[in-house]
Amino acid sequence: MTIGVDEGAQHGGFRDMALWRGRLCALGHDGAVLAFRADLGARAAAVSLLRDAEHQLGALGGGWWQLYLVENDGELLVVRKLYKVGRNGGDVDWEVEVRLLASPEQRRWDLLVETPGQALFVGSVVSAVVPVALYAAAAAGLRESCVYFARRDVEMLAPHAICEYSLLDEEMRGVPVAGGHAVDVEPVWITPFV
């Protein structure tokens, strides 16, 4: 029995996954979030839609975007980064949103304007939410209500592998990496858990 293949195809494939409340949640390329639950003993599976598609496949024009799915102590978050370039390579317009699944039954995702005491780390390999106080001594400059992005395929517009976006200030800045950045290696967040 294979589950998820047809569902994934309907949403352009899956771009990220997270475990949430005993379900495998998958984020489609169109922005939809699906939750899969399986009972291997009974050879049965079910899928439910937690978030509607954000746009039709191929319909988003004039910009580049990434979506990330993050689990945080029983909460499910979607982080959306969209950036557009003005005409003739003019100004770059950034838009970052963090949404919390507030009501799975109603498929309601609330916009978070801050994450008090926490910072979000998102990337194509792993994403996590960490308490700033726990890592403040080890990571000087770590700020709450910020989203830290890690990407190997650094865009010409964002020449840093690591970027910090402040939800409060609505500003993006590059974070220099000691020793430079190798395009052959995917940057990965490492968070020690006790």
C-alpha atoms as a PDB file:
ATOM      1  CA  MET A   1       0.000   0.000   0.000  1.00  0.00           C
ATOM      2  CA  THR A   2       1.376   3.375  -0.981  1.00  0.00           C
ATOM      3  CA  ILE A   3      -0.126   6.527   0.418  1.00  0.00           C
ATOM      4  CA  GLY A   4       0.746  10.070  -0.454  1.00  0.00           C
ATOM      5  CA  VAL A   5       1.767   9.523  -4.079  1.00  0.00           C
ATOM      6  CA  ASP A   6      -1.518  10.683  -5.602  1.00  0.00           C
ATOM      7  CA  GLU A   7      -1.963  13.398  -2.993  1.00  0.00           C
ATOM      8  CA  GLY A   8       1.567  14.661  -3.611  1.00  0.00           C
ATOM      9  CA  ALA A   9       1.020  14.770  -7.374  1.00  0.00           C
ATOM     10  CA  GLN A  10      -2.108  16.899  -6.891  1.00  0.00           C
ATOM     11  CA  HIS A  11       0.003  19.516  -5.085  1.00  0.00           C
ATOM     12  CA  GLY A  12       3.097  19.459  -7.296  1.00  0.00           C
ATOM     13  CA  GLY A  13       4.981  17.163  -4.947  1.00  0.00           C
ATOM     14  CA  PHE A  14       6.029  17.824  -1.385  1.00  0.00           C
ATOM     15  CA  ARG A  15       8.604  20.432  -0.440  1.00  0.00           C
ATOM     16  CA  ASP A  16       8.795  19.843   3.342  1.00  0.00           C
ATOM     17  CA  MET A  17       7.545  17.457   6.038  1.00  0.00           C
ATOM     18  CA  ALA A  18       7.125  17.460   9.810  1.00  0.00           C
ATOM     19  CA  LEU A  19       5.782  15.100  12.459  1.00  0.00           C
ATOM     20  CA  TRP A  20       2.869  16.659  14.340  1.00  0.00           C
ATOM     21  CA  ARG A  21       0.616  14.972  16.913  1.00  0.00           C
ATOM     22  CA  GLY A  22       1.335  11.488  15.578  1.00  0.00           C
ATOM     23  CA  ARG A  23       0.773  12.459  11.967  1.00  0.00           C
ATOM     24  CA  LEU A  24       3.181  12.934   9.110  1.00  0.00           C
ATOM     25  CA  CYS A  25       2.413  16.364   7.692  1.00  0.00           C
ATOM     26  CA  ALA A  26       3.498  17.267   4.180  1.00  0.00           C
ATOM     27  CA  LEU A  27       3.717  20.711   2.604  1.00  0.00           C
ATOM     28  CA  GLY A  28       2.851  20.781  -1.100  1.00  0.00           C
ATOM     29  CA  HIS A  29       4.519  23.009  -3.665  1.00  0.00           C
ATOM     30  CA  ASP A  30       1.222  24.879  -3.951  1.00  0.00           C
ATOM     31  CA  GLY A  31       1.179  25.683  -0.205  1.00  0.00           C
ATOM     32  CA  ALA A  32      -1.323  23.008   0.862  1.00  0.00           C
ATOM     33  CA  VAL A  33      -0.608  21.073   4.084  1.00  0.00           C
ATOM     34  CA  LEU A  34      -1.750  17.439   4.278  1.00  0.00           C
ATOM     35  CA  ALA A  35      -1.718  15.249   7.388  1.00  0.00           C
ATOM     36  CA  PHE A  36      -1.266  11.495   6.996  1.00  0.00           C
ATOM     37  CA  ARG A  37      -2.160   8.949   9.658  1.00  0.00           C
ATOM     38  CA  ALA A  38      -1.479   5.249   9.156  1.00  0.00           C
ATOM     39  CA  ASP A  39      -2.294   2.077  11.043  1.00  0.00           C
ATOM     40  CA  LEU A  40       0.218  -0.457   9.769  1.00  0.00           C
ATOM     41  CA  GLY A  41      -1.403  -3.345  11.640  1.00  0.00           C
ATOM     42  CA  ALA A  42      -4.756  -2.709   9.984  1.00  0.00           C
ATOM     43  CA  ARG A  43      -3.093  -1.709   6.696  1.00  0.00           C
ATOM     44  CA  ALA A  44      -5.237   1.423   6.678  1.00  0.00           C
ATOM     45  CA  ALA A  45      -4.368   5.048   6.145  1.00  0.00           C
ATOM     46  CA  ALA A  46      -6.147   8.376   6.110  1.00  0.00           C
ATOM     47  CA  VAL A  47      -5.226  11.803   4.832  1.00  0.00           C
ATOM     48  CA  SER A  48      -6.727  15.130   5.824  1.00  0.00           C
ATOM     49  CA  LEU A  49      -6.220  18.635   4.476  1.00  0.00           C
ATOM     50  CA  LEU A  50      -4.970  21.106   7.100  1.00  0.00           C
ATOM     51  CA  ARG A  51      -4.231  24.062   4.811  1.00  0.00           C
ATOM     52  CA  ASP A  52      -5.715  24.883   1.425  1.00  0.00           C
ATOM     53  CA  ALA A  53      -3.485  25.491  -1.574  1.00  0.00           C
ATOM     54  CA  GLU A  54      -2.122  29.012  -1.583  1.00  0.00           C
ATOM     55  CA  HIS A  55      -2.133  29.263  -5.380  1.00  0.00           C
ATOM     56  CA  GLN A  56      -2.529  27.047  -8.400  1.00  0.00           C
ATOM     57  CA  LEU A  57       0.647  25.337  -9.526  1.00  0.00           C
ATOM     58  CA  GLY A  58       2.657  27.641 -11.756  1.00  0.00           C
ATOM     59  CA  ALA A  59       0.365  30.590 -11.019  1.00  0.00           C
ATOM     60  CA  LEU A  60       2.771  32.566  -8.797  1.00  0.00           C
ATOM     61  CA  GLY A  61       4.590  35.017 -11.021  1.00  0.00           C
ATOM     62  CA  GLY A  62       6.934  37.904 -10.467  1.00  0.00           C
ATOM     63  CA  GLY A  63       8.777  36.490  -7.505  1.00  0.00           C
ATOM     64  CA  TRP A  64      10.535  33.610  -5.820  1.00  0.00           C
ATOM     65  CA  TRP A  65       9.260  31.902  -2.718  1.00  0.00           C
ATOM     66  CA  GLN A  66      10.008  29.165  -0.244  1.00  0.00           C
ATOM     67  CA  LEU A  67       7.735  27.489   2.298  1.00  0.00           C
ATOM     68  CA  TYR A  68       8.805  25.586   5.388  1.00  0.00           C
ATOM     69  CA  LEU A  69       6.853  23.384   7.802  1.00  0.00           C
ATOM     70  CA  VAL A  70       7.903  23.518  11.467  1.00  0.00           C
ATOM     71  CA  GLU A  71       6.642  21.582  14.513  1.00  0.00           C
ATOM     72  CA  ASN A  72       7.004  23.285  17.885  1.00  0.00           C
ATOM     73  CA  ASP A  73       5.849  21.483  21.050  1.00  0.00           C
ATOM     74  CA  GLY A  74       2.568  20.292  19.544  1.00  0.00           C
ATOM     75  CA  GLU A  75       2.040  23.362  17.382  1.00  0.00           C
ATOM     76  CA  LEU A  76       2.395  23.380  13.605  1.00  0.00           C
ATOM     77  CA  LEU A  77       3.819  26.413  11.816  1.00  0.00           C
ATOM     78  CA  VAL A  78       4.224  27.376   8.175  1.00  0.00           C
ATOM     79  CA  VAL A  79       6.978  29.871   7.342  1.00  0.00           C
ATOM     80  CA  ARG A  80       6.614  31.602   3.983  1.00  0.00           C
ATOM     81  CA  LYS A  81       9.355  33.686   2.375  1.00  0.00           C
ATOM     82  CA  LEU A  82       8.569  35.601  -0.807  1.00  0.00           C
ATOM     83  CA  TYR A  83      10.869  38.055  -2.528  1.00  0.00           C
ATOM     84  CA  LYS A  84      10.438  40.106  -5.671  1.00  0.00           C
ATOM     85  CA  VAL A  85      12.864  42.227  -7.632  1.00  0.00           C
ATOM     86  CA  GLY A  86      11.874  45.602  -9.013  1.00  0.00           C
ATOM     87  CA  ARG A  87      12.165  46.426 -12.686  1.00  0.00           C
ATOM     88  CA  ASN A  88      15.697  46.470 -14.101  1.00  0.00           C
ATOM     89  CA  GLY A  89      17.078  44.849 -10.936  1.00  0.00           C
ATOM     90  CA  GLY A  90      15.743  47.596  -8.691  1.00  0.00           C
ATOM     91  CA  ASP A  91      14.716  47.293  -5.089  1.00  0.00           C
ATOM     92  CA  VAL A  92      14.121  43.875  -3.566  1.00  0.00           C
ATOM     93  CA  ASP A  93      10.817  43.425  -1.762  1.00  0.00           C
ATOM     94  CA  TRP A  94      10.813  40.799   1.028  1.00  0.00           C
ATOM     95  CA  GLU A  95       7.788  39.267   2.613  1.00  0.00           C
ATOM     96  CA  VAL A  96       8.066  36.748   5.438  1.00  0.00           C
ATOM     97  CA  GLU A  97       5.076  35.287   7.242  1.00  0.00           C
ATOM     98  CA  VAL A  98       4.828  32.815  10.079  1.00  0.00           C
ATOM     99  CA  ARG A  99       1.440  31.167  10.478  1.00  0.00           C
ATOM    100  CA  LEU A 100       0.241  28.941  13.324  1.00  0.00           C
ATOM    101  CA  LEU A 101      -2.372  26.220  12.849  1.00  0.00           C
ATOM    102  CA  ALA A 102      -4.914  27.627  15.313  1.00  0.00           C
ATOM    103  CA  SER A 103      -7.835  25.365  14.418  1.00  0.00           C
ATOM    104  CA  PRO A 104      -7.239  22.111  12.496  1.00  0.00           C
ATOM    105  CA  GLU A 105     -10.990  21.512  12.210  1.00  0.00           C
ATOM    106  CA  GLN A 106     -11.580  24.870  10.524  1.00  0.00           C
ATOM    107  CA  ARG A 107      -8.199  24.894   8.723  1.00  0.00           C
ATOM    108  CA  ARG A 108      -7.512  28.291  10.282  1.00  0.00           C
ATOM    109  CA  TRP A 109      -3.911  29.528  10.294  1.00  0.00           C
ATOM    110  CA  ASP A 110      -3.252  32.660  12.347  1.00  0.00           C
ATOM    111  CA  LEU A 111      -0.517  35.127  11.442  1.00  0.00           C
ATOM    112  CA  LEU A 112       2.182  35.452  14.126  1.00  0.00           C
ATOM    113  CA  VAL A 113       3.680  38.927  14.428  1.00  0.00           C
ATOM    114  CA  GLU A 114       6.149  37.851  17.098  1.00  0.00           C
ATOM    115  CA  THR A 115       7.496  34.736  18.786  1.00  0.00           C
ATOM    116  CA  PRO A 116       8.289  35.922  22.326  1.00  0.00           C
ATOM    117  CA  GLY A 117      11.364  34.214  23.762  1.00  0.00           C
ATOM    118  CA  GLN A 118      11.812  32.067  20.652  1.00  0.00           C
ATOM    119  CA  ALA A 119      13.685  32.116  17.347  1.00  0.00           C
ATOM    120  CA  LEU A 120      12.842  30.037  14.298  1.00  0.00           C
ATOM    121  CA  PHE A 121      15.520  28.276  12.275  1.00  0.00           C
ATOM    122  CA  VAL A 122      14.374  27.044   8.866  1.00  0.00           C
ATOM    123  CA  GLY A 123      16.175  25.302   6.047  1.00  0.00           C
ATOM    124  CA  SER A 124      15.778  22.637   3.425  1.00  0.00           C
ATOM    125  CA  VAL A 125      17.308  19.972   5.687  1.00  0.00           C
ATOM    126  CA  VAL A 126      15.826  20.723   9.102  1.00  0.00           C
ATOM    127  CA  SER A 127      13.754  23.410  10.820  1.00  0.00           C
ATOM    128  CA  ALA A 128      13.339  24.094  14.526  1.00  0.00           C
ATOM    129  CA  VAL A 129      12.030  26.592  17.062  1.00  0.00           C
ATOM    130  CA  VAL A 130      14.420  27.280  19.919  1.00  0.00           C
ATOM    131  CA  PRO A 131      14.141  29.214  23.180  1.00  0.00           C
ATOM    132  CA  VAL A 132      16.500  32.177  22.875  1.00  0.00           C
ATOM    133  CA  ALA A 133      17.450  32.107  26.579  1.00  0.00           C
ATOM    134  CA  LEU A 134      18.696  28.512  26.294  1.00  0.00           C
ATOM    135  CA  TYR A 135      21.149  29.367  23.509  1.00  0.00           C
ATOM    136  CA  ALA A 136      21.965  33.015  24.283  1.00  0.00           C
ATOM    137  CA  ALA A 137      25.368  32.249  25.813  1.00  0.00           C
ATOM    138  CA  ALA A 138      26.445  29.999  22.952  1.00  0.00           C
ATOM    139  CA  ALA A 139      25.016  32.117  20.132  1.00  0.00           C
ATOM    140  CA  ALA A 140      25.718  35.784  20.778  1.00  0.00           C
ATOM    141  CA  GLY A 141      23.361  37.965  18.797  1.00  0.00           C
ATOM    142  CA  LEU A 142      20.543  35.405  18.649  1.00  0.00           C
ATOM    143  CA  ARG A 143      17.306  37.389  18.773  1.00  0.00           C
ATOM    144  CA  GLU A 144      13.736  36.459  19.632  1.00  0.00           C
ATOM    145  CA  SER A 145      10.983  36.935  17.070  1.00  0.00           C
ATOM    146  CA  CYS A 146      13.471  36.339  14.266  1.00  0.00           C
ATOM    147  CA  VAL A 147      13.465  33.753  11.503  1.00  0.00           C
ATOM    148  CA  TYR A 148      16.879  32.436  10.467  1.00  0.00           C
ATOM    149  CA  PHE A 149      17.066  30.995   6.941  1.00  0.00           C
ATOM    150  CA  ALA A 150      19.733  28.550   5.714  1.00  0.00           C
ATOM    151  CA  ARG A 151      20.081  27.766   1.996  1.00  0.00           C
ATOM    152  CA  ARG A 152      22.786  26.249  -0.160  1.00  0.00           C
ATOM    153  CA  ASP A 153      21.571  27.720  -3.447  1.00  0.00           C
ATOM    154  CA  VAL A 154      22.224  31.296  -2.415  1.00  0.00           C
ATOM    155  CA  GLU A 155      20.305  33.687  -4.595  1.00  0.00           C
ATOM    156  CA  MET A 156      22.066  36.489  -6.386  1.00  0.00           C
ATOM    157  CA  LEU A 157      19.792  38.851  -4.454  1.00  0.00           C
ATOM    158  CA  ALA A 158      20.658  37.393  -1.060  1.00  0.00           C
ATOM    159  CA  PRO A 159      24.373  36.623  -1.222  1.00  0.00           C
ATOM    160  CA  HIS A 160      24.504  35.042   2.223  1.00  0.00           C
ATOM    161  CA  ALA A 161      23.756  31.415   3.026  1.00  0.00           C
ATOM    162  CA  ILE A 162      22.344  32.527   6.374  1.00  0.00           C
ATOM    163  CA  CYS A 163      19.802  35.357   6.626  1.00  0.00           C
ATOM    164  CA  GLU A 164      17.936  36.752   9.617  1.00  0.00           C
ATOM    165  CA  TYR A 165      14.458  38.231   9.271  1.00  0.00           C
ATOM    166  CA  SER A 166      13.002  40.196  12.191  1.00  0.00           C
ATOM    167  CA  LEU A 167       9.233  39.777  12.486  1.00  0.00           C
ATOM    168  CA  LEU A 168       9.087  42.921  14.631  1.00  0.00           C
ATOM    169  CA  ASP A 169      11.220  45.184  12.404  1.00  0.00           C
ATOM    170  CA  GLU A 170      10.224  43.489   9.128  1.00  0.00           C
ATOM    171  CA  GLU A 171      13.855  43.648   7.990  1.00  0.00           C
ATOM    172  CA  MET A 172      16.123  41.040   6.414  1.00  0.00           C
ATOM    173  CA  ARG A 173      19.878  40.981   6.881  1.00  0.00           C
ATOM    174  CA  GLY A 174      22.611  38.618   5.827  1.00  0.00           C
ATOM    175  CA  VAL A 175      24.578  36.859   8.554  1.00  0.00           C
ATOM    176  CA  PRO A 176      28.235  36.288   7.641  1.00  0.00           C
ATOM    177  CA  VAL A 177      29.499  32.749   8.164  1.00  0.00           C
ATOM    178  CA  ALA A 178      32.961  32.298   9.687  1.00  0.00           C
ATOM    179  CA  GLY A 179      35.239  30.721   7.091  1.00  0.00           C
ATOM    180  CA  GLY A 180      32.943  31.638   4.212  1.00  0.00           C
ATOM    181  CA  HIS A 181      30.241  29.615   2.515  1.00  0.00           C
ATOM    182  CA  ALA A 182      30.720  26.539   0.338  1.00  0.00           C
ATOM    183  CA  VAL A 183      28.034  26.094  -2.319  1.00  0.00           C
ATOM    184  CA  ASP A 184      28.755  22.349  -2.360  1.00  0.00           C
ATOM    185  CA  VAL A 185      27.474  21.834   1.176  1.00  0.00           C
ATOM    186  CA  GLU A 186      23.940  22.420   2.406  1.00  0.00           C
ATOM    187  CA  PRO A 187      23.965  24.593   5.561  1.00  0.00           C
ATOM    188  CA  VAL A 188      22.323  22.667   8.384  1.00  0.00           C
ATOM    189  CA  TRP A 189      21.022  23.871  11.734  1.00  0.00           C
ATOM    190  CA  ILE A 190      22.381  21.786  14.607  1.00  0.00           C
ATOM    191  CA  THR A 191      20.384  22.054  17.824  1.00  0.00           C
ATOM    192  CA  PRO A 192      21.451  19.899  20.755  1.00  0.00           C
ATOM    193  CA  PHE A 193      18.547  18.308  22.585  1.00  0.00           C
ATOM    194  CA  VAL A 194      18.916  16.896  26.081  1.00  0.00           C
END
